C-alpha atoms as a PDB file:
ATOM      1  CA  MET A   1      86.465 102.836 180.036  1.00  0.00           C
ATOM      2  CA  PRO A   2      89.046 105.002 181.774  1.00  0.00           C
ATOM      3  CA  LEU A   3      91.680 107.125 180.071  1.00  0.00           C
ATOM      4  CA  TYR A   4      95.306 106.366 180.879  1.00  0.00           C
ATOM      5  CA  GLU A   5      98.319 108.618 180.341  1.00  0.00           C
ATOM      6  CA  TYR A   6     101.561 107.201 178.966  1.00  0.00           C
ATOM      7  CA  HIS A   7     105.118 108.445 178.443  1.00  0.00           C
ATOM      8  CA  CYS A   8     107.314 107.087 175.635  1.00  0.00           C
ATOM      9  CA  ASP A   9     110.810 106.365 176.956  1.00  0.00           C
ATOM     10  CA  ALA A  10     112.269 106.477 173.426  1.00  0.00           C
ATOM     11  CA  CYS A  11     110.953 109.756 171.967  1.00  0.00           C
ATOM     12  CA  GLU A  12     109.741 111.452 175.203  1.00  0.00           C
ATOM     13  CA  SER A  13     106.211 112.025 173.853  1.00  0.00           C
ATOM     14  CA  GLU A  14     103.163 111.737 176.097  1.00  0.00           C
ATOM     15  CA  PHE A  15      99.772 110.427 175.035  1.00  0.00           C
ATOM     16  CA  THR A  16      96.464 109.202 176.427  1.00  0.00           C
ATOM     17  CA  LYS A  17      94.609 106.044 175.539  1.00  0.00           C
ATOM     18  CA  ARG A  18      91.180 104.754 176.522  1.00  0.00           C
ATOM     19  CA  ARG A  19      91.594 101.158 177.675  1.00  0.00           C
ATOM     20  CA  ALA A  20      89.895  98.624 179.895  1.00  0.00           C
ATOM     21  CA  ILE A  21      91.245  98.527 183.450  1.00  0.00           C
ATOM     22  CA  LYS A  22      92.618  95.019 182.888  1.00  0.00           C
ATOM     23  CA  GLU A  23      94.653  96.383 179.919  1.00  0.00           C
ATOM     24  CA  ALA A  24      96.116  99.415 181.737  1.00  0.00           C
ATOM     25  CA  ASP A  25      99.615  97.916 182.013  1.00  0.00           C
ATOM     26  CA  ALA A  26      99.529  95.762 178.881  1.00  0.00           C
ATOM     27  CA  PRO A  27     102.121  96.624 176.206  1.00  0.00           C
ATOM     28  CA  ILE A  28     101.189  99.602 174.028  1.00  0.00           C
ATOM     29  CA  GLN A  29     102.921 101.328 171.121  1.00  0.00           C
ATOM     30  CA  CYS A  30     103.770 105.011 171.091  1.00  0.00           C
ATOM     31  CA  PRO A  31     101.646 106.666 168.375  1.00  0.00           C
ATOM     32  CA  ASP A  32     104.599 108.881 167.367  1.00  0.00           C
ATOM     33  CA  CYS A  33     107.519 106.440 167.058  1.00  0.00           C
ATOM     34  CA  GLU A  34     105.735 103.050 167.447  1.00  0.00           C
ATOM     35  CA  ASN A  35     108.170 102.027 170.195  1.00  0.00           C
ATOM     36  CA  GLU A  36     106.821  99.789 172.964  1.00  0.00           C
ATOM     37  CA  GLU A  37     109.106 101.197 175.688  1.00  0.00           C
ATOM     38  CA  VAL A  38     106.210 103.084 177.238  1.00  0.00           C
ATOM     39  CA  THR A  39     105.534 103.860 180.904  1.00  0.00           C
ATOM     40  CA  ARG A  40     102.069 104.470 182.335  1.00  0.00           C
ATOM     41  CA  LYS A  41     101.973 107.756 184.251  1.00  0.00           C
ATOM     42  CA  LEU A  42     100.180 108.358 187.520  1.00  0.00           C
ATOM     43  CA  SER A  43      97.015 110.267 186.658  1.00  0.00           C
ATOM     44  CA  LEU A  44      95.174 112.358 189.209  1.00  0.00           C
ATOM     45  CA  PHE A  45      91.902 114.222 189.221  1.00  0.00           C
ATOM     46  CA  ILE A  46      89.921 116.247 191.698  1.00  0.00           C
ATOM     47  CA  ALA A  47      86.215 116.912 192.050  1.00  0.00           C
ATOM     48  CA  LEU A  48      85.090 120.101 193.769  1.00  0.00           C
ATOM     49  CA  THR A  49      81.613 120.594 195.199  1.00  0.00           C
ATOM     50  CA  LYS A  50      79.828 123.473 196.918  1.00  0.00           C
ATOM     51  CA  ASN A  51      77.506 122.891 199.817  1.00  0.00           C
ATOM     52  CA  ASP A  52      74.360 124.925 200.516  1.00  0.00           C
ATOM     53  CA  SER A  53      76.370 127.595 202.394  1.00  0.00           C
ATOM     54  CA  GLY A  54      78.765 128.054 199.438  1.00  0.00           C
ATOM     55  CA  VAL A  55      81.763 126.305 200.998  1.00  0.00           C
ATOM     56  CA  THR A  56      83.877 124.567 198.356  1.00  0.00           C
ATOM     57  CA  SER A  57      85.153 121.137 199.344  1.00  0.00           C
ATOM     58  CA  LEU A  58      86.622 118.063 197.738  1.00  0.00           C
ATOM     59  CA  GLY A  59      84.017 115.689 196.369  1.00  0.00           C
ATOM     60  CA  GLY A  60      83.922 111.990 197.048  1.00  0.00           C
ATOM     61  CA  GLY A  61      84.061 110.265 200.345  1.00  0.00           C
ATOM     62  CA  GLY A  62      85.996 107.914 202.474  1.00  0.00           C
ATOM     63  CA  GLY A  63      89.590 107.992 203.571  1.00  0.00           C
ATOM     64  CA  CYS A  64      91.884 110.954 203.660  1.00  0.00           C
ATOM     65  CA  GLY A  65      93.090 112.421 200.461  1.00  0.00           C
ATOM     66  CA  CYS A  66      90.695 114.095 201.353  1.00  0.00           C
ATOM     67  CA  GLY A  67      87.193 112.828 200.727  1.00  0.00           C
ATOM     68  CA  GLY A  68      85.890 114.523 203.839  1.00  0.00           C
ATOM     69  CA  ALA A  69      86.041 111.515 206.176  1.00  0.00           C
ATOM     70  CA  CYS A  70      89.013 112.692 208.220  1.00  0.00           C
ATOM     71  CA  ALA A  71      90.043 115.524 210.515  1.00  0.00           C
ATOM     72  CA  CYS A  72      91.136 117.873 207.715  1.00  0.00           C
ATOM     73  CA  GLY A  73      87.558 118.068 206.383  1.00  0.00           C
ATOM     74  CA  GLY A  74      88.607 118.764 202.793  1.00  0.00           C
ATOM     75  CA  HIS A  75      87.620 122.459 202.859  1.00  0.00           C
ATOM     76  CA  LEU A  76      89.212 124.802 200.297  1.00  0.00           C
ATOM     77  CA  ASN A  77      88.002 128.254 201.348  1.00  0.00           C
END
């Protein structure tokens, strides 16, 4: 199950919750103030890999963003 990040609109606290994908946008209570005026935040992550020559690049594949399947190549030297 993925972790989702949330922001409480009432008390401004931020928290994470492990939930099924189908429950990601279902109502949830803030653990601090128990208010249900909560917004799911956009969560990002990055995976870095090194190839045999020591070049660090973005992991994954497909589409730009960059998973290495476009002109930018995803290199982070």
